[in-house]
Amino acid sequence: LILLLFSMLICIPLAFYDSFTNLFITDVGILNAAAAMSLGQVAEVIFLFTFPFFFLKLRYKGSIVAAIVAWVVMYGLFALGAATGQNGFIYAVLPLHGFCFTFFFVAGQLFVDEKAPSSLRNSAQGLIAFATYGVGKYLGTLVAGNVVELHTAEGGYNWVSVWTVPFVMAVVFLLGFIFLFRENTTKRDDLNGARNQPVSAIDEPA
């Protein structure tokens, strides 16, 4: 439930990136915006291959926390780049999107696959997909659109204020996830198997 909730919530600030990064980097004078944003896709491919090595150390909670921290850094440096006019901050964090996407969603899908009973895994994965790409992205698009409209005046955008909103949201969700999510290494199928055994079989000494 906690993973489902935060998977949905984190897609709200994620919608700011999906909807307005191209407009932002074009507005601040970065040429070839699509090529610049492709750095995130390149990084995503790289991290897909390296994720298993990180996962051995970080496991589920560590991987998801690392992804949200990277989103915090990304939005913070977007705001800093807009405030200072230094596009180097923006270039530096564009690849982070690939890191965030891989670590958050892959770790979440693996967690669901491990914890859900085998008969319900497909349904559980579908529920996570609906919560993220359905409800989360829809709410995020509404929030992001209203925030950008609020901070637009006479054809200009107050990008510092725009990117501060997902930055603050990501920080709040990061703290909430750290305190609320508990990683239990026991598989659901193992628990069900234990429940179905006779008491004498469970308590019998080795």
N, C-alpha and C. Protein backbone atom coordinates (compact mmCIF):
# COMPACT_ATOMS: atom_id res chain seq x y z
N LEU A 1 0.83 -1.21 0.00
CA LEU A 1 0.00 0.00 0.00
C LEU A 1 0.86 1.26 0.00
N ILE A 2 1.93 1.26 0.83
CA ILE A 2 2.81 2.42 0.89
C ILE A 2 3.50 2.63 -0.46
N LEU A 3 3.99 1.54 -1.06
CA LEU A 3 4.64 1.64 -2.37
C LEU A 3 3.66 2.15 -3.41
N LEU A 4 2.44 1.63 -3.39
CA LEU A 4 1.41 2.07 -4.34
C LEU A 4 1.14 3.56 -4.19
N LEU A 5 1.00 4.01 -2.95
CA LEU A 5 0.70 5.42 -2.69
C LEU A 5 1.81 6.33 -3.18
N PHE A 6 3.06 6.00 -2.83
CA PHE A 6 4.16 6.87 -3.20
C PHE A 6 4.53 6.76 -4.68
N SER A 7 4.24 5.61 -5.29
CA SER A 7 4.42 5.50 -6.74
C SER A 7 3.49 6.47 -7.46
N MET A 8 2.29 6.60 -6.95
CA MET A 8 1.34 7.53 -7.54
C MET A 8 1.76 8.98 -7.26
N LEU A 9 2.15 9.26 -6.01
CA LEU A 9 2.49 10.63 -5.64
C LEU A 9 3.72 11.16 -6.38
N ILE A 10 4.74 10.31 -6.55
CA ILE A 10 5.97 10.79 -7.17
C ILE A 10 5.76 11.11 -8.64
N CYS A 11 4.70 10.56 -9.24
CA CYS A 11 4.41 10.87 -10.64
C CYS A 11 3.85 12.28 -10.80
N ILE A 12 3.46 12.91 -9.70
CA ILE A 12 2.97 14.30 -9.79
C ILE A 12 4.13 15.25 -10.11
N PRO A 13 5.22 15.27 -9.32
CA PRO A 13 6.35 16.11 -9.73
C PRO A 13 7.01 15.61 -11.01
N LEU A 14 6.94 14.31 -11.29
CA LEU A 14 7.52 13.79 -12.52
C LEU A 14 6.85 14.40 -13.75
N ALA A 15 5.57 14.73 -13.63
CA ALA A 15 4.84 15.32 -14.75
C ALA A 15 5.41 16.69 -15.14
N PHE A 16 6.02 17.39 -14.19
CA PHE A 16 6.66 18.67 -14.52
C PHE A 16 7.78 18.44 -15.54
N TYR A 17 8.57 17.40 -15.31
CA TYR A 17 9.66 17.10 -16.25
C TYR A 17 9.10 16.70 -17.61
N ASP A 18 8.14 15.79 -17.61
CA ASP A 18 7.60 15.29 -18.88
C ASP A 18 6.95 16.39 -19.70
N SER A 19 6.25 17.30 -19.03
CA SER A 19 5.44 18.29 -19.75
C SER A 19 6.19 19.57 -20.11
N PHE A 20 7.17 19.98 -19.28
CA PHE A 20 7.70 21.33 -19.44
C PHE A 20 9.22 21.44 -19.55
N THR A 21 9.94 20.33 -19.50
CA THR A 21 11.40 20.44 -19.61
C THR A 21 11.82 20.94 -20.98
N ASN A 22 11.17 20.44 -22.03
CA ASN A 22 11.52 20.90 -23.39
C ASN A 22 11.29 22.39 -23.53
N LEU A 23 10.14 22.88 -23.05
CA LEU A 23 9.85 24.31 -23.10
C LEU A 23 10.85 25.10 -22.27
N PHE A 24 11.19 24.57 -21.11
CA PHE A 24 12.13 25.25 -20.21
C PHE A 24 13.50 25.42 -20.83
N ILE A 25 14.09 24.32 -21.31
CA ILE A 25 15.46 24.42 -21.81
C ILE A 25 15.51 25.21 -23.12
N THR A 26 14.42 25.21 -23.87
CA THR A 26 14.36 26.07 -25.06
C THR A 26 14.28 27.53 -24.65
N ASP A 27 13.48 27.81 -23.63
CA ASP A 27 13.28 29.19 -23.18
C ASP A 27 14.54 29.81 -22.60
N VAL A 28 15.40 28.97 -21.98
CA VAL A 28 16.63 29.51 -21.39
C VAL A 28 17.79 29.55 -22.39
N GLY A 29 17.51 29.16 -23.63
CA GLY A 29 18.52 29.34 -24.67
C GLY A 29 19.33 28.12 -25.03
N ILE A 30 18.93 26.94 -24.56
CA ILE A 30 19.65 25.72 -24.93
C ILE A 30 19.18 25.26 -26.30
N LEU A 31 20.11 25.11 -27.23
CA LEU A 31 19.78 24.68 -28.58
C LEU A 31 19.60 23.17 -28.62
N ASN A 32 18.85 22.71 -29.62
CA ASN A 32 18.61 21.28 -29.80
C ASN A 32 18.08 20.65 -28.52
N ALA A 33 16.92 21.14 -28.09
CA ALA A 33 16.35 20.69 -26.82
C ALA A 33 16.10 19.19 -26.81
N ALA A 34 15.61 18.65 -27.93
CA ALA A 34 15.32 17.21 -27.97
C ALA A 34 16.60 16.40 -27.79
N ALA A 35 17.68 16.85 -28.41
CA ALA A 35 18.96 16.14 -28.27
C ALA A 35 19.46 16.22 -26.84
N ALA A 36 19.29 17.39 -26.20
CA ALA A 36 19.72 17.54 -24.81
C ALA A 36 18.92 16.62 -23.90
N MET A 37 17.62 16.52 -24.11
CA MET A 37 16.79 15.67 -23.28
C MET A 37 17.07 14.18 -23.52
N SER A 38 17.61 13.86 -24.69
CA SER A 38 17.93 12.46 -24.97
C SER A 38 19.05 11.94 -24.07
N LEU A 39 19.76 12.85 -23.39
CA LEU A 39 20.75 12.41 -22.42
C LEU A 39 20.10 11.54 -21.33
N GLY A 40 18.87 11.87 -21.01
CA GLY A 40 18.15 11.08 -20.02
C GLY A 40 17.87 9.66 -20.51
N GLN A 41 17.52 9.53 -21.81
CA GLN A 41 17.25 8.20 -22.36
C GLN A 41 18.53 7.38 -22.46
N VAL A 42 19.63 8.04 -22.82
CA VAL A 42 20.92 7.34 -22.87
C VAL A 42 21.29 6.83 -21.48
N ALA A 43 21.13 7.70 -20.48
CA ALA A 43 21.44 7.29 -19.11
C ALA A 43 20.53 6.16 -18.65
N GLU A 44 19.28 6.18 -19.08
CA GLU A 44 18.34 5.13 -18.69
C GLU A 44 18.82 3.76 -19.18
N VAL A 45 19.28 3.71 -20.43
CA VAL A 45 19.78 2.45 -20.98
C VAL A 45 21.00 1.97 -20.19
N ILE A 46 21.90 2.89 -19.89
CA ILE A 46 23.11 2.53 -19.13
C ILE A 46 22.75 2.00 -17.75
N PHE A 47 21.83 2.69 -17.07
CA PHE A 47 21.48 2.28 -15.71
C PHE A 47 20.64 1.00 -15.70
N LEU A 48 19.93 0.71 -16.79
CA LEU A 48 19.21 -0.56 -16.86
C LEU A 48 20.19 -1.74 -16.79
N PHE A 49 21.34 -1.56 -17.44
CA PHE A 49 22.35 -2.63 -17.44
C PHE A 49 23.11 -2.69 -16.11
N THR A 50 23.29 -1.55 -15.47
CA THR A 50 24.08 -1.52 -14.23
C THR A 50 23.21 -1.66 -12.98
N PHE A 51 21.89 -1.56 -13.13
CA PHE A 51 20.99 -1.60 -11.98
C PHE A 51 21.18 -2.85 -11.11
N PRO A 52 21.33 -4.06 -11.69
CA PRO A 52 21.48 -5.24 -10.82
C PRO A 52 22.64 -5.15 -9.85
N PHE A 53 23.72 -4.50 -10.24
CA PHE A 53 24.88 -4.37 -9.35
C PHE A 53 24.58 -3.41 -8.19
N PHE A 54 23.91 -2.31 -8.51
CA PHE A 54 23.51 -1.37 -7.45
C PHE A 54 22.47 -2.02 -6.53
N PHE A 55 21.57 -2.80 -7.13
CA PHE A 55 20.47 -3.39 -6.37
C PHE A 55 20.97 -4.36 -5.30
N LEU A 56 22.07 -5.03 -5.58
CA LEU A 56 22.63 -5.96 -4.59
C LEU A 56 22.97 -5.25 -3.28
N LYS A 57 23.36 -3.99 -3.37
CA LYS A 57 23.72 -3.21 -2.18
C LYS A 57 22.54 -2.42 -1.63
N LEU A 58 21.77 -1.83 -2.53
CA LEU A 58 20.72 -0.90 -2.10
C LEU A 58 19.40 -1.59 -1.76
N ARG A 59 19.13 -2.72 -2.42
CA ARG A 59 17.86 -3.41 -2.30
C ARG A 59 16.70 -2.49 -2.68
N TYR A 60 15.49 -2.81 -2.23
CA TYR A 60 14.32 -2.08 -2.70
C TYR A 60 14.27 -0.65 -2.17
N LYS A 61 14.30 -0.53 -0.86
CA LYS A 61 14.14 0.80 -0.27
C LYS A 61 15.28 1.72 -0.66
N GLY A 62 16.51 1.21 -0.63
CA GLY A 62 17.65 2.04 -1.00
C GLY A 62 17.59 2.51 -2.44
N SER A 63 17.14 1.65 -3.35
CA SER A 63 17.04 2.02 -4.76
C SER A 63 16.00 3.11 -4.98
N ILE A 64 14.85 2.95 -4.33
CA ILE A 64 13.77 3.93 -4.49
C ILE A 64 14.14 5.26 -3.84
N VAL A 65 14.76 5.21 -2.67
CA VAL A 65 15.21 6.43 -2.01
C VAL A 65 16.24 7.15 -2.88
N ALA A 66 17.18 6.41 -3.46
CA ALA A 66 18.20 7.02 -4.33
C ALA A 66 17.55 7.71 -5.52
N ALA A 67 16.51 7.10 -6.08
CA ALA A 67 15.81 7.70 -7.21
C ALA A 67 15.13 9.01 -6.82
N ILE A 68 14.45 9.02 -5.66
CA ILE A 68 13.76 10.25 -5.25
C ILE A 68 14.77 11.33 -4.89
N VAL A 69 15.89 10.96 -4.28
CA VAL A 69 16.94 11.94 -3.99
C VAL A 69 17.44 12.56 -5.29
N ALA A 70 17.62 11.73 -6.32
CA ALA A 70 18.08 12.26 -7.61
C ALA A 70 17.06 13.21 -8.21
N TRP A 71 15.77 12.93 -8.03
CA TRP A 71 14.74 13.86 -8.50
C TRP A 71 14.82 15.19 -7.74
N VAL A 72 15.06 15.11 -6.44
CA VAL A 72 15.22 16.34 -5.65
C VAL A 72 16.38 17.16 -6.19
N VAL A 73 17.51 16.50 -6.45
CA VAL A 73 18.68 17.19 -6.98
C VAL A 73 18.38 17.79 -8.36
N MET A 74 17.70 17.02 -9.19
CA MET A 74 17.41 17.49 -10.54
C MET A 74 16.55 18.75 -10.53
N TYR A 75 15.45 18.73 -9.77
CA TYR A 75 14.58 19.90 -9.74
C TYR A 75 15.25 21.07 -9.04
N GLY A 76 16.06 20.79 -8.02
CA GLY A 76 16.78 21.87 -7.35
C GLY A 76 17.76 22.55 -8.28
N LEU A 77 18.48 21.77 -9.10
CA LEU A 77 19.44 22.38 -10.02
C LEU A 77 18.76 23.02 -11.23
N PHE A 78 17.59 22.53 -11.59
CA PHE A 78 16.79 23.24 -12.60
C PHE A 78 16.47 24.65 -12.11
N ALA A 79 15.99 24.73 -10.86
CA ALA A 79 15.67 26.03 -10.28
C ALA A 79 16.92 26.90 -10.15
N LEU A 80 18.03 26.29 -9.75
CA LEU A 80 19.28 27.04 -9.61
C LEU A 80 19.78 27.53 -10.96
N GLY A 81 19.67 26.68 -11.97
CA GLY A 81 20.07 27.10 -13.31
C GLY A 81 19.22 28.25 -13.83
N ALA A 82 17.91 28.18 -13.55
CA ALA A 82 17.03 29.27 -13.98
C ALA A 82 17.35 30.56 -13.23
N ALA A 83 17.70 30.45 -11.94
CA ALA A 83 17.98 31.63 -11.14
C ALA A 83 19.29 32.29 -11.52
N THR A 84 20.31 31.47 -11.85
CA THR A 84 21.64 32.01 -12.11
C THR A 84 21.92 32.24 -13.59
N GLY A 85 21.12 31.62 -14.46
CA GLY A 85 21.38 31.72 -15.88
C GLY A 85 22.52 30.83 -16.34
N GLN A 86 22.98 29.93 -15.48
CA GLN A 86 24.07 29.01 -15.82
C GLN A 86 23.47 27.70 -16.32
N ASN A 87 23.53 27.50 -17.63
CA ASN A 87 22.93 26.31 -18.21
C ASN A 87 23.71 25.04 -17.89
N GLY A 88 24.92 25.19 -17.38
CA GLY A 88 25.69 24.02 -17.00
C GLY A 88 24.99 23.18 -15.95
N PHE A 89 24.27 23.84 -15.03
CA PHE A 89 23.51 23.11 -14.02
C PHE A 89 22.46 22.21 -14.68
N ILE A 90 21.85 22.73 -15.74
CA ILE A 90 20.78 21.99 -16.41
C ILE A 90 21.34 20.81 -17.17
N TYR A 91 22.42 21.05 -17.94
CA TYR A 91 23.05 19.95 -18.66
C TYR A 91 23.50 18.84 -17.71
N ALA A 92 24.00 19.24 -16.55
CA ALA A 92 24.57 18.27 -15.61
C ALA A 92 23.53 17.31 -15.07
N VAL A 93 22.28 17.77 -14.93
CA VAL A 93 21.28 16.92 -14.29
C VAL A 93 20.29 16.28 -15.25
N LEU A 94 20.34 16.61 -16.53
CA LEU A 94 19.42 15.97 -17.48
C LEU A 94 19.57 14.44 -17.48
N PRO A 95 20.80 13.91 -17.40
CA PRO A 95 20.92 12.44 -17.36
C PRO A 95 20.31 11.81 -16.11
N LEU A 96 20.10 12.59 -15.05
CA LEU A 96 19.55 12.04 -13.81
C LEU A 96 18.15 11.46 -14.01
N HIS A 97 17.44 11.97 -15.00
CA HIS A 97 16.09 11.46 -15.24
C HIS A 97 16.13 9.97 -15.55
N GLY A 98 17.11 9.55 -16.34
CA GLY A 98 17.24 8.14 -16.65
C GLY A 98 17.54 7.30 -15.42
N PHE A 99 18.38 7.83 -14.54
CA PHE A 99 18.69 7.16 -13.28
C PHE A 99 17.43 7.03 -12.43
N CYS A 100 16.70 8.13 -12.27
CA CYS A 100 15.49 8.13 -11.44
C CYS A 100 14.47 7.13 -11.96
N PHE A 101 14.23 7.19 -13.27
CA PHE A 101 13.20 6.35 -13.86
C PHE A 101 13.53 4.88 -13.66
N THR A 102 14.78 4.51 -13.93
CA THR A 102 15.18 3.12 -13.80
C THR A 102 15.08 2.64 -12.36
N PHE A 103 15.69 3.38 -11.44
CA PHE A 103 15.77 2.91 -10.06
C PHE A 103 14.41 2.90 -9.38
N PHE A 104 13.58 3.87 -9.66
CA PHE A 104 12.29 3.92 -8.98
C PHE A 104 11.34 2.86 -9.53
N PHE A 105 11.12 2.86 -10.83
CA PHE A 105 10.09 1.99 -11.39
C PHE A 105 10.53 0.53 -11.47
N VAL A 106 11.78 0.28 -11.79
CA VAL A 106 12.23 -1.11 -11.84
C VAL A 106 12.23 -1.72 -10.44
N ALA A 107 12.74 -0.98 -9.46
CA ALA A 107 12.74 -1.50 -8.08
C ALA A 107 11.31 -1.74 -7.59
N GLY A 108 10.40 -0.83 -7.92
CA GLY A 108 9.01 -1.00 -7.52
C GLY A 108 8.37 -2.23 -8.15
N GLN A 109 8.63 -2.45 -9.43
CA GLN A 109 8.07 -3.61 -10.11
C GLN A 109 8.63 -4.91 -9.56
N LEU A 110 9.93 -4.92 -9.25
CA LEU A 110 10.54 -6.10 -8.66
C LEU A 110 9.97 -6.39 -7.27
N PHE A 111 9.73 -5.33 -6.51
CA PHE A 111 9.17 -5.50 -5.17
C PHE A 111 7.78 -6.13 -5.25
N VAL A 112 6.95 -5.61 -6.15
CA VAL A 112 5.60 -6.16 -6.31
C VAL A 112 5.68 -7.61 -6.77
N ASP A 113 6.58 -7.89 -7.70
CA ASP A 113 6.71 -9.26 -8.22
C ASP A 113 7.12 -10.23 -7.13
N GLU A 114 7.95 -9.78 -6.19
CA GLU A 114 8.41 -10.67 -5.13
C GLU A 114 7.38 -10.84 -4.03
N LYS A 115 6.65 -9.78 -3.69
CA LYS A 115 5.77 -9.84 -2.53
C LYS A 115 4.38 -10.38 -2.86
N ALA A 116 3.91 -10.16 -4.08
CA ALA A 116 2.55 -10.57 -4.42
C ALA A 116 2.48 -12.09 -4.59
N PRO A 117 1.38 -12.71 -4.18
CA PRO A 117 1.20 -14.14 -4.46
C PRO A 117 1.26 -14.39 -5.96
N SER A 118 1.73 -15.54 -6.36
CA SER A 118 1.92 -15.82 -7.79
C SER A 118 0.63 -15.68 -8.57
N SER A 119 -0.51 -15.98 -7.96
CA SER A 119 -1.79 -15.89 -8.66
C SER A 119 -2.24 -14.45 -8.88
N LEU A 120 -1.63 -13.51 -8.16
CA LEU A 120 -2.07 -12.12 -8.23
C LEU A 120 -1.00 -11.18 -8.80
N ARG A 121 0.13 -11.71 -9.25
CA ARG A 121 1.23 -10.84 -9.68
C ARG A 121 0.85 -9.96 -10.86
N ASN A 122 0.19 -10.53 -11.85
CA ASN A 122 -0.21 -9.73 -13.01
C ASN A 122 -1.16 -8.61 -12.62
N SER A 123 -2.10 -8.92 -11.75
CA SER A 123 -3.05 -7.90 -11.29
C SER A 123 -2.34 -6.82 -10.48
N ALA A 124 -1.39 -7.24 -9.64
CA ALA A 124 -0.65 -6.27 -8.82
C ALA A 124 0.19 -5.35 -9.69
N GLN A 125 0.85 -5.91 -10.70
CA GLN A 125 1.63 -5.07 -11.61
C GLN A 125 0.72 -4.12 -12.38
N GLY A 126 -0.44 -4.59 -12.77
CA GLY A 126 -1.40 -3.73 -13.46
C GLY A 126 -1.89 -2.61 -12.56
N LEU A 127 -2.08 -2.91 -11.27
CA LEU A 127 -2.53 -1.88 -10.33
C LEU A 127 -1.46 -0.80 -10.16
N ILE A 128 -0.19 -1.21 -10.05
CA ILE A 128 0.90 -0.24 -9.95
C ILE A 128 0.97 0.62 -11.20
N ALA A 129 0.83 0.00 -12.37
CA ALA A 129 0.87 0.75 -13.63
C ALA A 129 -0.28 1.75 -13.71
N PHE A 130 -1.46 1.34 -13.26
CA PHE A 130 -2.61 2.25 -13.27
C PHE A 130 -2.39 3.41 -12.31
N ALA A 131 -1.82 3.12 -11.13
CA ALA A 131 -1.59 4.18 -10.14
C ALA A 131 -0.57 5.19 -10.63
N THR A 132 0.46 4.72 -11.34
CA THR A 132 1.53 5.62 -11.78
C THR A 132 1.19 6.31 -13.10
N TYR A 133 1.07 5.52 -14.15
CA TYR A 133 0.86 6.08 -15.49
C TYR A 133 -0.56 6.57 -15.71
N GLY A 134 -1.47 6.12 -14.87
CA GLY A 134 -2.85 6.57 -14.98
C GLY A 134 -3.15 7.71 -14.03
N VAL A 135 -3.39 7.38 -12.76
CA VAL A 135 -3.80 8.38 -11.78
C VAL A 135 -2.70 9.40 -11.52
N GLY A 136 -1.48 8.92 -11.26
CA GLY A 136 -0.38 9.83 -10.93
C GLY A 136 -0.06 10.82 -12.04
N LYS A 137 0.07 10.30 -13.26
CA LYS A 137 0.40 11.19 -14.38
C LYS A 137 -0.75 12.17 -14.67
N TYR A 138 -1.99 11.71 -14.51
CA TYR A 138 -3.13 12.60 -14.73
C TYR A 138 -3.14 13.74 -13.72
N LEU A 139 -2.98 13.40 -12.43
CA LEU A 139 -2.94 14.44 -11.40
C LEU A 139 -1.73 15.35 -11.60
N GLY A 140 -0.60 14.76 -11.98
CA GLY A 140 0.60 15.55 -12.20
C GLY A 140 0.45 16.54 -13.33
N THR A 141 -0.20 16.11 -14.40
CA THR A 141 -0.42 17.02 -15.54
C THR A 141 -1.30 18.20 -15.13
N LEU A 142 -2.33 17.93 -14.33
CA LEU A 142 -3.20 19.01 -13.86
C LEU A 142 -2.42 19.98 -12.98
N VAL A 143 -1.65 19.44 -12.03
CA VAL A 143 -0.90 20.29 -11.11
C VAL A 143 0.15 21.09 -11.86
N ALA A 144 0.93 20.43 -12.71
CA ALA A 144 2.00 21.11 -13.45
C ALA A 144 1.45 22.20 -14.35
N GLY A 145 0.36 21.91 -15.04
CA GLY A 145 -0.24 22.92 -15.92
C GLY A 145 -0.70 24.15 -15.16
N ASN A 146 -1.33 23.94 -14.02
CA ASN A 146 -1.81 25.07 -13.22
C ASN A 146 -0.66 25.87 -12.62
N VAL A 147 0.41 25.18 -12.19
CA VAL A 147 1.56 25.88 -11.62
C VAL A 147 2.24 26.75 -12.67
N VAL A 148 2.44 26.20 -13.86
CA VAL A 148 3.09 26.97 -14.93
C VAL A 148 2.21 28.15 -15.33
N GLU A 149 0.92 27.93 -15.42
CA GLU A 149 0.01 29.04 -15.76
C GLU A 149 0.05 30.12 -14.70
N LEU A 150 0.13 29.73 -13.44
CA LEU A 150 0.17 30.70 -12.34
C LEU A 150 1.42 31.56 -12.39
N HIS A 151 2.52 30.97 -12.86
CA HIS A 151 3.81 31.68 -12.87
C HIS A 151 4.21 32.13 -14.27
N THR A 152 3.20 32.40 -15.08
CA THR A 152 3.43 32.95 -16.42
C THR A 152 2.81 34.33 -16.49
N ALA A 153 3.58 35.29 -16.94
CA ALA A 153 3.08 36.66 -17.05
C ALA A 153 3.67 37.31 -18.30
N GLU A 154 2.80 37.87 -19.11
CA GLU A 154 3.20 38.59 -20.32
C GLU A 154 4.14 37.75 -21.20
N GLY A 155 3.79 36.48 -21.33
CA GLY A 155 4.56 35.61 -22.20
C GLY A 155 5.85 35.10 -21.62
N GLY A 156 6.18 35.50 -20.39
CA GLY A 156 7.41 35.03 -19.75
C GLY A 156 7.10 34.05 -18.63
N TYR A 157 8.06 33.20 -18.35
CA TYR A 157 7.89 32.17 -17.33
C TYR A 157 8.82 32.42 -16.16
N ASN A 158 8.27 32.28 -14.96
CA ASN A 158 9.09 32.34 -13.76
C ASN A 158 9.52 30.91 -13.43
N TRP A 159 10.59 30.47 -14.10
CA TRP A 159 11.00 29.08 -13.98
C TRP A 159 11.52 28.73 -12.59
N VAL A 160 12.06 29.68 -11.88
CA VAL A 160 12.52 29.41 -10.52
C VAL A 160 11.35 28.95 -9.65
N SER A 161 10.26 29.67 -9.72
CA SER A 161 9.07 29.30 -8.95
C SER A 161 8.47 28.00 -9.45
N VAL A 162 8.46 27.82 -10.77
CA VAL A 162 7.89 26.60 -11.34
C VAL A 162 8.62 25.36 -10.83
N TRP A 163 9.96 25.38 -10.89
CA TRP A 163 10.72 24.19 -10.50
C TRP A 163 10.84 24.04 -8.99
N THR A 164 10.58 25.11 -8.25
CA THR A 164 10.58 24.99 -6.78
C THR A 164 9.44 24.10 -6.31
N VAL A 165 8.33 24.12 -7.02
CA VAL A 165 7.16 23.32 -6.60
C VAL A 165 7.46 21.82 -6.65
N PRO A 166 7.92 21.24 -7.78
CA PRO A 166 8.24 19.81 -7.75
C PRO A 166 9.42 19.49 -6.83
N PHE A 167 10.33 20.44 -6.64
CA PHE A 167 11.43 20.23 -5.71
C PHE A 167 10.91 20.01 -4.30
N VAL A 168 10.02 20.87 -3.85
CA VAL A 168 9.45 20.75 -2.50
C VAL A 168 8.62 19.48 -2.39
N MET A 169 7.85 19.19 -3.42
CA MET A 169 7.03 17.98 -3.40
C MET A 169 7.90 16.73 -3.29
N ALA A 170 8.98 16.69 -4.05
CA ALA A 170 9.88 15.52 -4.02
C ALA A 170 10.52 15.37 -2.65
N VAL A 171 10.88 16.48 -2.01
CA VAL A 171 11.46 16.42 -0.66
C VAL A 171 10.45 15.84 0.32
N VAL A 172 9.22 16.30 0.26
CA VAL A 172 8.17 15.81 1.16
C VAL A 172 7.93 14.32 0.95
N PHE A 173 7.83 13.91 -0.32
CA PHE A 173 7.59 12.49 -0.62
C PHE A 173 8.78 11.63 -0.21
N LEU A 174 9.98 12.18 -0.35
CA LEU A 174 11.19 11.46 0.07
C LEU A 174 11.14 11.17 1.58
N LEU A 175 10.86 12.18 2.37
CA LEU A 175 10.79 12.01 3.82
C LEU A 175 9.67 11.04 4.21
N GLY A 176 8.52 11.20 3.56
CA GLY A 176 7.40 10.30 3.86
C GLY A 176 7.74 8.86 3.54
N PHE A 177 8.38 8.63 2.41
CA PHE A 177 8.72 7.26 2.02
C PHE A 177 9.75 6.66 2.98
N ILE A 178 10.75 7.44 3.36
CA ILE A 178 11.78 6.94 4.27
C ILE A 178 11.17 6.49 5.59
N PHE A 179 10.23 7.26 6.12
CA PHE A 179 9.68 6.96 7.43
C PHE A 179 8.58 5.89 7.39
N LEU A 180 7.88 5.76 6.27
CA LEU A 180 6.71 4.89 6.22
C LEU A 180 6.97 3.54 5.58
N PHE A 181 7.91 3.47 4.64
CA PHE A 181 8.11 2.22 3.91
C PHE A 181 8.99 1.27 4.72
N ARG A 182 8.54 0.03 4.86
CA ARG A 182 9.30 -1.00 5.55
C ARG A 182 9.56 -2.14 4.58
N GLU A 183 10.82 -2.48 4.43
CA GLU A 183 11.17 -3.55 3.49
C GLU A 183 11.22 -4.88 4.24
N ASN A 184 10.28 -5.75 3.92
CA ASN A 184 10.21 -7.07 4.53
C ASN A 184 10.74 -8.08 3.52
N THR A 185 11.75 -8.83 3.88
CA THR A 185 12.39 -9.74 2.93
C THR A 185 11.67 -11.07 2.79
N THR A 186 10.60 -11.29 3.55
CA THR A 186 9.87 -12.55 3.46
C THR A 186 8.89 -12.51 2.30
N LYS A 187 8.94 -13.50 1.44
CA LYS A 187 8.03 -13.54 0.30
C LYS A 187 6.63 -13.91 0.77
N ARG A 188 5.63 -13.37 0.04
CA ARG A 188 4.25 -13.66 0.38
C ARG A 188 3.94 -15.14 0.20
N ASP A 189 4.49 -15.78 -0.86
CA ASP A 189 4.24 -17.19 -1.08
C ASP A 189 4.79 -18.03 0.07
N ASP A 190 5.94 -17.61 0.64
CA ASP A 190 6.52 -18.32 1.77
C ASP A 190 5.60 -18.23 2.98
N LEU A 191 5.03 -17.05 3.18
CA LEU A 191 4.11 -16.87 4.31
C LEU A 191 2.87 -17.74 4.14
N ASN A 192 2.32 -17.75 2.91
CA ASN A 192 1.14 -18.57 2.67
C ASN A 192 1.43 -20.04 2.86
N GLY A 193 2.62 -20.46 2.44
CA GLY A 193 3.00 -21.85 2.61
C GLY A 193 3.10 -22.22 4.06
N ALA A 194 3.65 -21.32 4.87
CA ALA A 194 3.77 -21.58 6.30
C ALA A 194 2.41 -21.68 6.96
N ARG A 195 1.47 -20.82 6.51
CA ARG A 195 0.14 -20.85 7.12
C ARG A 195 -0.59 -22.15 6.82
N ASN A 196 -0.32 -22.71 5.63
CA ASN A 196 -1.03 -23.90 5.20
C ASN A 196 -0.47 -25.18 5.80
N GLN A 197 0.69 -25.11 6.48
CA GLN A 197 1.27 -26.29 7.09
C GLN A 197 0.60 -26.57 8.43
N PRO A 198 0.54 -27.85 8.81
CA PRO A 198 0.02 -28.17 10.16
C PRO A 198 0.91 -27.56 11.22
N VAL A 199 0.34 -27.27 12.35
CA VAL A 199 1.11 -26.66 13.43
C VAL A 199 2.26 -27.54 13.84
N SER A 200 2.02 -28.86 13.86
CA SER A 200 3.08 -29.77 14.27
C SER A 200 4.25 -29.72 13.32
N ALA A 201 3.97 -29.51 11.98
CA ALA A 201 5.05 -29.45 10.99
C ALA A 201 5.86 -28.19 11.14
N ILE A 202 5.20 -27.08 11.52
CA ILE A 202 5.90 -25.81 11.68
C ILE A 202 6.77 -25.84 12.92
N ASP A 203 6.23 -26.42 13.99
CA ASP A 203 6.94 -26.39 15.26
C ASP A 203 7.94 -27.53 15.43
N GLU A 204 7.92 -28.49 14.49
CA GLU A 204 8.79 -29.65 14.65
C GLU A 204 10.25 -29.24 14.58
N PRO A 205 11.07 -29.60 15.54
CA PRO A 205 12.48 -29.21 15.51
C PRO A 205 13.21 -29.90 14.38
N ALA A 206 14.30 -29.23 13.90
CA ALA A 206 15.08 -29.81 12.80
C ALA A 206 15.84 -31.04 13.31
